[in-house]
All heavy atoms as atom14 arrays in JSON, in Angstrom:
{
  "sequence": "AGYLSAMLEHLSAEETLRRANACGAVACLAPGDWEAAPTL",
  "atom14_mask": [
    [1, 1, 1, 1, 1, 0, 0, 0, 0, 0, 0, 0, 0, 0],
    [1, 1, 1, 1, 0, 0, 0, 0, 0, 0, 0, 0, 0, 0],
    [1, 1, 1, 1, 1, 1, 1, 1, 1, 1, 1, 1, 0, 0],
    [1, 1, 1, 1, 1, 1, 1, 1, 0, 0, 0, 0, 0, 0],
    [1, 1, 1, 1, 1, 1, 0, 0, 0, 0, 0, 0, 0, 0],
    [1, 1, 1, 1, 1, 0, 0, 0, 0, 0, 0, 0, 0, 0],
    [1, 1, 1, 1, 1, 1, 1, 1, 0, 0, 0, 0, 0, 0],
    [1, 1, 1, 1, 1, 1, 1, 1, 0, 0, 0, 0, 0, 0],
    [1, 1, 1, 1, 1, 1, 1, 1, 1, 0, 0, 0, 0, 0],
    [1, 1, 1, 1, 1, 1, 1, 1, 1, 1, 0, 0, 0, 0],
    [1, 1, 1, 1, 1, 1, 1, 1, 0, 0, 0, 0, 0, 0],
    [1, 1, 1, 1, 1, 1, 0, 0, 0, 0, 0, 0, 0, 0],
    [1, 1, 1, 1, 1, 0, 0, 0, 0, 0, 0, 0, 0, 0],
    [1, 1, 1, 1, 1, 1, 1, 1, 1, 0, 0, 0, 0, 0],
    [1, 1, 1, 1, 1, 1, 1, 1, 1, 0, 0, 0, 0, 0],
    [1, 1, 1, 1, 1, 1, 1, 0, 0, 0, 0, 0, 0, 0],
    [1, 1, 1, 1, 1, 1, 1, 1, 0, 0, 0, 0, 0, 0],
    [1, 1, 1, 1, 1, 1, 1, 1, 1, 1, 1, 0, 0, 0],
    [1, 1, 1, 1, 1, 1, 1, 1, 1, 1, 1, 0, 0, 0],
    [1, 1, 1, 1, 1, 0, 0, 0, 0, 0, 0, 0, 0, 0],
    [1, 1, 1, 1, 1, 1, 1, 1, 0, 0, 0, 0, 0, 0],
    [1, 1, 1, 1, 1, 0, 0, 0, 0, 0, 0, 0, 0, 0],
    [1, 1, 1, 1, 1, 1, 0, 0, 0, 0, 0, 0, 0, 0],
    [1, 1, 1, 1, 0, 0, 0, 0, 0, 0, 0, 0, 0, 0],
    [1, 1, 1, 1, 1, 0, 0, 0, 0, 0, 0, 0, 0, 0],
    [1, 1, 1, 1, 1, 1, 1, 0, 0, 0, 0, 0, 0, 0],
    [1, 1, 1, 1, 1, 0, 0, 0, 0, 0, 0, 0, 0, 0],
    [1, 1, 1, 1, 1, 1, 0, 0, 0, 0, 0, 0, 0, 0],
    [1, 1, 1, 1, 1, 1, 1, 1, 0, 0, 0, 0, 0, 0],
    [1, 1, 1, 1, 1, 0, 0, 0, 0, 0, 0, 0, 0, 0],
    [1, 1, 1, 1, 1, 1, 1, 0, 0, 0, 0, 0, 0, 0],
    [1, 1, 1, 1, 0, 0, 0, 0, 0, 0, 0, 0, 0, 0],
    [1, 1, 1, 1, 1, 1, 1, 1, 0, 0, 0, 0, 0, 0],
    [1, 1, 1, 1, 1, 1, 1, 1, 1, 1, 1, 1, 1, 1],
    [1, 1, 1, 1, 1, 1, 1, 1, 1, 0, 0, 0, 0, 0],
    [1, 1, 1, 1, 1, 0, 0, 0, 0, 0, 0, 0, 0, 0],
    [1, 1, 1, 1, 1, 0, 0, 0, 0, 0, 0, 0, 0, 0],
    [1, 1, 1, 1, 1, 1, 1, 0, 0, 0, 0, 0, 0, 0],
    [1, 1, 1, 1, 1, 1, 1, 0, 0, 0, 0, 0, 0, 0],
    [1, 1, 1, 1, 1, 1, 1, 1, 0, 0, 0, 0, 0, 0]
  ],
  "atom14_positions": [
    [[-73.9, 57.58, -130.48], [-73.09, 56.45, -130.03], [-72.98, 56.43, -128.51], [-73.11, 55.37, -127.88], [-71.71, 56.51, -130.67], [0.0, 0.0, 0.0], [0.0, 0.0, 0.0], [0.0, 0.0, 0.0], [0.0, 0.0, 0.0], [0.0, 0.0, 0.0], [0.0, 0.0, 0.0], [0.0, 0.0, 0.0], [0.0, 0.0, 0.0], [0.0, 0.0, 0.0]],
    [[-72.75, 57.59, -127.92], [-72.68, 57.67, -126.46], [-74.0, 57.33, -125.81], [-74.06, 56.62, -124.79], [0.0, 0.0, 0.0], [0.0, 0.0, 0.0], [0.0, 0.0, 0.0], [0.0, 0.0, 0.0], [0.0, 0.0, 0.0], [0.0, 0.0, 0.0], [0.0, 0.0, 0.0], [0.0, 0.0, 0.0], [0.0, 0.0, 0.0], [0.0, 0.0, 0.0]],
    [[-75.08, 57.8, -126.4], [-76.41, 57.54, -125.87], [-76.71, 56.05, -125.91], [-77.14, 55.46, -124.92], [-77.45, 58.33, -126.68], [-78.83, 58.3, -126.07], [-79.19, 59.24, -125.12], [-79.76, 57.33, -126.43], [-80.46, 59.22, -124.55], [-81.02, 57.3, -125.87], [-81.37, 58.25, -124.92], [-82.62, 58.21, -124.36], [0.0, 0.0, 0.0], [0.0, 0.0, 0.0]],
    [[-76.48, 55.42, -127.06], [-76.78, 54.0, -127.19], [-75.89, 53.14, -126.31], [-76.36, 52.17, -125.7], [-76.65, 53.58, -128.65], [-77.69, 54.16, -129.61], [-77.38, 53.77, -131.05], [-79.09, 53.72, -129.21], [0.0, 0.0, 0.0], [0.0, 0.0, 0.0], [0.0, 0.0, 0.0], [0.0, 0.0, 0.0], [0.0, 0.0, 0.0], [0.0, 0.0, 0.0]],
    [[-74.6, 53.5, -126.19], [-73.72, 52.7, -125.34], [-74.15, 52.78, -123.88], [-74.1, 51.79, -123.16], [-72.26, 53.14, -125.5], [-72.02, 54.4, -124.91], [0.0, 0.0, 0.0], [0.0, 0.0, 0.0], [0.0, 0.0, 0.0], [0.0, 0.0, 0.0], [0.0, 0.0, 0.0], [0.0, 0.0, 0.0], [0.0, 0.0, 0.0], [0.0, 0.0, 0.0]],
    [[-74.6, 53.95, -123.45], [-75.08, 54.11, -122.07], [-76.38, 53.34, -121.85], [-76.58, 52.73, -120.79], [-75.26, 55.58, -121.74], [0.0, 0.0, 0.0], [0.0, 0.0, 0.0], [0.0, 0.0, 0.0], [0.0, 0.0, 0.0], [0.0, 0.0, 0.0], [0.0, 0.0, 0.0], [0.0, 0.0, 0.0], [0.0, 0.0, 0.0], [0.0, 0.0, 0.0]],
    [[-77.25, 53.35, -122.85], [-78.49, 52.59, -122.73], [-78.2, 51.1, -122.62], [-78.84, 50.39, -121.83], [-79.41, 52.86, -123.92], [-80.06, 54.22, -123.87], [-81.31, 54.41, -125.15], [-82.54, 53.24, -124.61], [0.0, 0.0, 0.0], [0.0, 0.0, 0.0], [0.0, 0.0, 0.0], [0.0, 0.0, 0.0], [0.0, 0.0, 0.0], [0.0, 0.0, 0.0]],
    [[-77.23, 50.61, -123.39], [-76.88, 49.19, -123.33], [-76.3, 48.8, -121.96], [-76.36, 47.64, -121.57], [-75.88, 48.84, -124.45], [-76.47, 48.84, -125.85], [-75.37, 48.69, -126.89], [-77.51, 47.74, -126.0], [0.0, 0.0, 0.0], [0.0, 0.0, 0.0], [0.0, 0.0, 0.0], [0.0, 0.0, 0.0], [0.0, 0.0, 0.0], [0.0, 0.0, 0.0]],
    [[-75.73, 49.79, -121.27], [-75.21, 49.55, -119.92], [-76.28, 49.8, -118.85], [-75.99, 49.74, -117.66], [-74.0, 50.43, -119.66], [-72.79, 50.05, -120.49], [-71.59, 50.92, -120.2], [-71.49, 51.48, -119.08], [-70.75, 51.05, -121.11], [0.0, 0.0, 0.0], [0.0, 0.0, 0.0], [0.0, 0.0, 0.0], [0.0, 0.0, 0.0], [0.0, 0.0, 0.0]],
    [[-77.49, 50.13, -119.29], [-78.63, 50.37, -118.39], [-78.36, 51.52, -117.41], [-78.76, 51.46, -116.25], [-79.01, 49.1, -117.64], [-79.3, 47.95, -118.55], [-80.45, 47.88, -119.3], [-78.58, 46.85, -118.85], [-80.43, 46.78, -120.03], [-79.31, 46.14, -119.78], [0.0, 0.0, 0.0], [0.0, 0.0, 0.0], [0.0, 0.0, 0.0], [0.0, 0.0, 0.0]],
    [[-77.68, 52.57, -117.9], [-77.47, 53.75, -117.07], [-78.77, 54.53, -116.96], [-79.68, 54.37, -117.77], [-76.37, 54.63, -117.68], [-74.98, 53.98, -117.83], [-74.0, 54.99, -118.4], [-74.49, 53.43, -116.51], [0.0, 0.0, 0.0], [0.0, 0.0, 0.0], [0.0, 0.0, 0.0], [0.0, 0.0, 0.0], [0.0, 0.0, 0.0], [0.0, 0.0, 0.0]],
    [[-78.86, 55.38, -115.96], [-80.05, 56.21, -115.79], [-80.16, 57.18, -116.96], [-79.19, 57.41, -117.69], [-79.97, 56.99, -114.48], [-78.96, 58.0, -114.58], [0.0, 0.0, 0.0], [0.0, 0.0, 0.0], [0.0, 0.0, 0.0], [0.0, 0.0, 0.0], [0.0, 0.0, 0.0], [0.0, 0.0, 0.0], [0.0, 0.0, 0.0], [0.0, 0.0, 0.0]],
    [[-81.34, 57.77, -117.11], [-81.55, 58.74, -118.19], [-80.57, 59.91, -118.07], [-80.01, 60.37, -119.06], [-82.99, 59.24, -118.19], [0.0, 0.0, 0.0], [0.0, 0.0, 0.0], [0.0, 0.0, 0.0], [0.0, 0.0, 0.0], [0.0, 0.0, 0.0], [0.0, 0.0, 0.0], [0.0, 0.0, 0.0], [0.0, 0.0, 0.0], [0.0, 0.0, 0.0]],
    [[-80.33, 60.36, -116.85], [-79.4, 61.48, -116.62], [-77.98, 61.09, -117.0], [-77.25, 61.85, -117.65], [-79.46, 61.95, -115.17], [-80.75, 62.64, -114.79], [-81.91, 61.68, -114.49], [-81.69, 60.44, -114.39], [-83.05, 62.16, -114.37], [0.0, 0.0, 0.0], [0.0, 0.0, 0.0], [0.0, 0.0, 0.0], [0.0, 0.0, 0.0], [0.0, 0.0, 0.0]],
    [[-77.55, 59.88, -116.59], [-76.2, 59.41, -116.92], [-76.06, 59.18, -118.42], [-75.0, 59.44, -119.0], [-75.88, 58.13, -116.16], [-75.75, 58.33, -114.66], [-75.73, 57.0, -113.9], [-76.53, 56.1, -114.23], [-74.92, 56.88, -112.99], [0.0, 0.0, 0.0], [0.0, 0.0, 0.0], [0.0, 0.0, 0.0], [0.0, 0.0, 0.0], [0.0, 0.0, 0.0]],
    [[-77.12, 58.7, -119.03], [-77.11, 58.47, -120.47], [-76.93, 59.78, -121.22], [-76.11, 59.88, -122.14], [-78.41, 57.76, -120.9], [-78.46, 56.49, -120.25], [-78.48, 57.57, -122.4], [0.0, 0.0, 0.0], [0.0, 0.0, 0.0], [0.0, 0.0, 0.0], [0.0, 0.0, 0.0], [0.0, 0.0, 0.0], [0.0, 0.0, 0.0], [0.0, 0.0, 0.0]],
    [[-77.66, 60.8, -120.82], [-77.51, 62.11, -121.46], [-76.14, 62.7, -121.2], [-75.55, 63.32, -122.09], [-78.59, 63.07, -120.96], [-79.97, 62.86, -121.54], [-80.97, 63.81, -120.9], [-79.96, 63.04, -123.05], [0.0, 0.0, 0.0], [0.0, 0.0, 0.0], [0.0, 0.0, 0.0], [0.0, 0.0, 0.0], [0.0, 0.0, 0.0], [0.0, 0.0, 0.0]],
    [[-75.61, 62.52, -120.01], [-74.28, 63.05, -119.69], [-73.24, 62.42, -120.62], [-72.4, 63.11, -121.18], [-73.93, 62.78, -118.23], [-72.63, 63.4, -117.8], [-72.49, 63.37, -116.28], [-71.37, 64.18, -115.88], [-70.22, 63.68, -115.4], [-70.08, 62.39, -115.23], [-69.23, 64.49, -115.06], [0.0, 0.0, 0.0], [0.0, 0.0, 0.0], [0.0, 0.0, 0.0]],
    [[-73.31, 61.09, -120.8], [-72.36, 60.43, -121.68], [-72.56, 60.89, -123.13], [-71.59, 61.18, -123.84], [-72.49, 58.92, -121.61], [-71.51, 58.23, -122.56], [-71.61, 56.74, -122.53], [-71.09, 56.21, -121.28], [-71.02, 54.91, -121.03], [-71.44, 54.02, -121.92], [-70.54, 54.48, -119.87], [0.0, 0.0, 0.0], [0.0, 0.0, 0.0], [0.0, 0.0, 0.0]],
    [[-73.79, 60.95, -123.57], [-74.07, 61.36, -124.95], [-73.57, 62.78, -125.21], [-72.9, 63.03, -126.22], [-75.57, 61.27, -125.22], [0.0, 0.0, 0.0], [0.0, 0.0, 0.0], [0.0, 0.0, 0.0], [0.0, 0.0, 0.0], [0.0, 0.0, 0.0], [0.0, 0.0, 0.0], [0.0, 0.0, 0.0], [0.0, 0.0, 0.0], [0.0, 0.0, 0.0]],
    [[-73.86, 63.69, -124.31], [-73.41, 65.08, -124.47], [-71.89, 65.16, -124.46], [-71.3, 65.92, -125.23], [-74.01, 65.96, -123.37], [-75.46, 66.25, -123.6], [-75.94, 66.29, -124.72], [-76.2, 66.44, -122.51], [0.0, 0.0, 0.0], [0.0, 0.0, 0.0], [0.0, 0.0, 0.0], [0.0, 0.0, 0.0], [0.0, 0.0, 0.0], [0.0, 0.0, 0.0]],
    [[-71.25, 64.39, -123.59], [-69.79, 64.4, -123.53], [-69.19, 63.86, -124.83], [-68.23, 64.43, -125.36], [-69.31, 63.58, -122.34], [0.0, 0.0, 0.0], [0.0, 0.0, 0.0], [0.0, 0.0, 0.0], [0.0, 0.0, 0.0], [0.0, 0.0, 0.0], [0.0, 0.0, 0.0], [0.0, 0.0, 0.0], [0.0, 0.0, 0.0], [0.0, 0.0, 0.0]],
    [[-69.75, 62.78, -125.36], [-69.25, 62.23, -126.62], [-69.37, 63.24, -127.75], [-68.46, 63.41, -128.56], [-69.98, 60.94, -126.98], [-69.49, 59.52, -125.99], [0.0, 0.0, 0.0], [0.0, 0.0, 0.0], [0.0, 0.0, 0.0], [0.0, 0.0, 0.0], [0.0, 0.0, 0.0], [0.0, 0.0, 0.0], [0.0, 0.0, 0.0], [0.0, 0.0, 0.0]],
    [[-70.5, 63.92, -127.82], [-70.69, 64.95, -128.83], [-69.7, 66.09, -128.68], [-69.15, 66.58, -129.67], [0.0, 0.0, 0.0], [0.0, 0.0, 0.0], [0.0, 0.0, 0.0], [0.0, 0.0, 0.0], [0.0, 0.0, 0.0], [0.0, 0.0, 0.0], [0.0, 0.0, 0.0], [0.0, 0.0, 0.0], [0.0, 0.0, 0.0], [0.0, 0.0, 0.0]],
    [[-69.44, 66.5, -127.45], [-68.5, 67.59, -127.2], [-67.08, 67.18, -127.58], [-66.36, 67.94, -128.24], [-68.56, 68.0, -125.73], [0.0, 0.0, 0.0], [0.0, 0.0, 0.0], [0.0, 0.0, 0.0], [0.0, 0.0, 0.0], [0.0, 0.0, 0.0], [0.0, 0.0, 0.0], [0.0, 0.0, 0.0], [0.0, 0.0, 0.0], [0.0, 0.0, 0.0]],
    [[-66.66, 65.99, -127.17], [-65.3, 65.52, -127.47], [-65.1, 65.4, -128.98], [-64.03, 65.71, -129.5], [-65.0, 64.18, -126.76], [-63.7, 63.58, -127.25], [-64.96, 64.39, -125.25], [0.0, 0.0, 0.0], [0.0, 0.0, 0.0], [0.0, 0.0, 0.0], [0.0, 0.0, 0.0], [0.0, 0.0, 0.0], [0.0, 0.0, 0.0], [0.0, 0.0, 0.0]],
    [[-66.13, 65.01, -129.7], [-66.03, 64.88, -131.16], [-65.71, 66.2, -131.83], [-65.17, 66.23, -132.94], [-67.32, 64.31, -131.73], [0.0, 0.0, 0.0], [0.0, 0.0, 0.0], [0.0, 0.0, 0.0], [0.0, 0.0, 0.0], [0.0, 0.0, 0.0], [0.0, 0.0, 0.0], [0.0, 0.0, 0.0], [0.0, 0.0, 0.0], [0.0, 0.0, 0.0]],
    [[-66.0, 67.31, -131.17], [-65.74, 68.64, -131.73], [-64.31, 69.12, -131.51], [-63.95, 70.2, -131.97], [-66.7, 69.66, -131.1], [-68.42, 69.39, -131.52], [0.0, 0.0, 0.0], [0.0, 0.0, 0.0], [0.0, 0.0, 0.0], [0.0, 0.0, 0.0], [0.0, 0.0, 0.0], [0.0, 0.0, 0.0], [0.0, 0.0, 0.0], [0.0, 0.0, 0.0]],
    [[-63.49, 68.32, -130.83], [-62.14, 68.76, -130.47], [-61.1, 68.55, -131.55], [-59.96, 68.99, -131.4], [-61.69, 68.06, -129.18], [-62.51, 68.39, -127.93], [-62.03, 67.55, -126.76], [-62.42, 69.87, -127.61], [0.0, 0.0, 0.0], [0.0, 0.0, 0.0], [0.0, 0.0, 0.0], [0.0, 0.0, 0.0], [0.0, 0.0, 0.0], [0.0, 0.0, 0.0]],
    [[-61.45, 67.87, -132.63], [-60.49, 67.62, -133.72], [-61.23, 67.69, -135.05], [-62.43, 67.44, -135.11], [-59.85, 66.25, -133.54], [0.0, 0.0, 0.0], [0.0, 0.0, 0.0], [0.0, 0.0, 0.0], [0.0, 0.0, 0.0], [0.0, 0.0, 0.0], [0.0, 0.0, 0.0], [0.0, 0.0, 0.0], [0.0, 0.0, 0.0], [0.0, 0.0, 0.0]],
    [[-60.5, 68.01, -136.12], [-61.15, 68.02, -137.43], [-61.48, 66.61, -137.89], [-60.78, 65.65, -137.55], [-60.1, 68.67, -138.34], [-58.8, 68.49, -137.64], [-59.11, 68.41, -136.18], [0.0, 0.0, 0.0], [0.0, 0.0, 0.0], [0.0, 0.0, 0.0], [0.0, 0.0, 0.0], [0.0, 0.0, 0.0], [0.0, 0.0, 0.0], [0.0, 0.0, 0.0]],
    [[-62.56, 66.48, -138.62], [-62.96, 65.19, -139.15], [-64.17, 64.65, -138.43], [-64.59, 65.17, -137.41], [0.0, 0.0, 0.0], [0.0, 0.0, 0.0], [0.0, 0.0, 0.0], [0.0, 0.0, 0.0], [0.0, 0.0, 0.0], [0.0, 0.0, 0.0], [0.0, 0.0, 0.0], [0.0, 0.0, 0.0], [0.0, 0.0, 0.0], [0.0, 0.0, 0.0]],
    [[-64.72, 63.58, -138.99], [-65.97, 63.08, -138.43], [-65.79, 61.98, -137.39], [-66.73, 61.67, -136.67], [-66.92, 62.63, -139.53], [-66.33, 61.52, -140.4], [-65.15, 61.21, -140.27], [-67.09, 60.99, -141.21], [0.0, 0.0, 0.0], [0.0, 0.0, 0.0], [0.0, 0.0, 0.0], [0.0, 0.0, 0.0], [0.0, 0.0, 0.0], [0.0, 0.0, 0.0]],
    [[-64.62, 61.36, -137.28], [-64.43, 60.29, -136.3], [-63.12, 60.41, -135.53], [-62.9, 59.72, -134.54], [-64.46, 58.93, -136.99], [-63.37, 58.77, -138.01], [-63.47, 59.06, -139.34], [-62.03, 58.35, -137.79], [-62.26, 58.83, -139.96], [-61.36, 58.4, -139.02], [-61.32, 57.96, -136.67], [-60.01, 58.07, -139.17], [-59.98, 57.62, -136.82], [-59.35, 57.67, -138.06]],
    [[-62.24, 61.3, -135.94], [-60.89, 61.37, -135.39], [-60.85, 61.61, -133.88], [-59.94, 61.14, -133.2], [-60.07, 62.45, -136.11], [-59.65, 62.04, -137.51], [-60.74, 62.13, -138.56], [-61.86, 62.56, -138.26], [-60.46, 61.76, -139.71], [0.0, 0.0, 0.0], [0.0, 0.0, 0.0], [0.0, 0.0, 0.0], [0.0, 0.0, 0.0], [0.0, 0.0, 0.0]],
    [[-61.81, 62.31, -133.32], [-61.81, 62.58, -131.88], [-62.79, 61.69, -131.13], [-63.02, 61.89, -129.94], [-62.14, 64.05, -131.61], [0.0, 0.0, 0.0], [0.0, 0.0, 0.0], [0.0, 0.0, 0.0], [0.0, 0.0, 0.0], [0.0, 0.0, 0.0], [0.0, 0.0, 0.0], [0.0, 0.0, 0.0], [0.0, 0.0, 0.0], [0.0, 0.0, 0.0]],
    [[-63.37, 60.68, -131.79], [-64.3, 59.78, -131.1], [-63.57, 59.16, -129.91], [-62.53, 58.52, -130.08], [-64.8, 58.71, -132.05], [0.0, 0.0, 0.0], [0.0, 0.0, 0.0], [0.0, 0.0, 0.0], [0.0, 0.0, 0.0], [0.0, 0.0, 0.0], [0.0, 0.0, 0.0], [0.0, 0.0, 0.0], [0.0, 0.0, 0.0], [0.0, 0.0, 0.0]],
    [[-64.08, 59.36, -128.71], [-63.32, 58.94, -127.52], [-63.49, 57.46, -127.19], [-64.54, 56.87, -127.42], [-63.93, 59.79, -126.4], [-65.35, 59.99, -126.83], [-65.29, 60.1, -128.34], [0.0, 0.0, 0.0], [0.0, 0.0, 0.0], [0.0, 0.0, 0.0], [0.0, 0.0, 0.0], [0.0, 0.0, 0.0], [0.0, 0.0, 0.0], [0.0, 0.0, 0.0]],
    [[-62.43, 56.9, -126.63], [-62.55, 55.6, -125.98], [-63.23, 55.84, -124.64], [-63.38, 57.0, -124.2], [-61.17, 54.97, -125.73], [-60.45, 55.8, -124.8], [-60.38, 54.81, -127.03], [0.0, 0.0, 0.0], [0.0, 0.0, 0.0], [0.0, 0.0, 0.0], [0.0, 0.0, 0.0], [0.0, 0.0, 0.0], [0.0, 0.0, 0.0], [0.0, 0.0, 0.0]],
    [[-63.63, 54.79, -123.96], [-64.26, 54.96, -122.66], [-63.3, 55.63, -121.68], [-63.7, 56.5, -120.91], [-64.74, 53.61, -122.11], [-65.6, 53.67, -120.86], [-66.79, 54.61, -121.03], [-66.09, 52.28, -120.49], [0.0, 0.0, 0.0], [0.0, 0.0, 0.0], [0.0, 0.0, 0.0], [0.0, 0.0, 0.0], [0.0, 0.0, 0.0], [0.0, 0.0, 0.0]]
  ]
}
């Protein structure tokens, strides 16, 4: 989700990966599959 949202904003490959990695990391902060999905 982070990767695709960054691509839709035409971010650089590095910025896209940074957002994607951050989204994946934040998702690990709470139990469940969507509960920690971050807002922008």
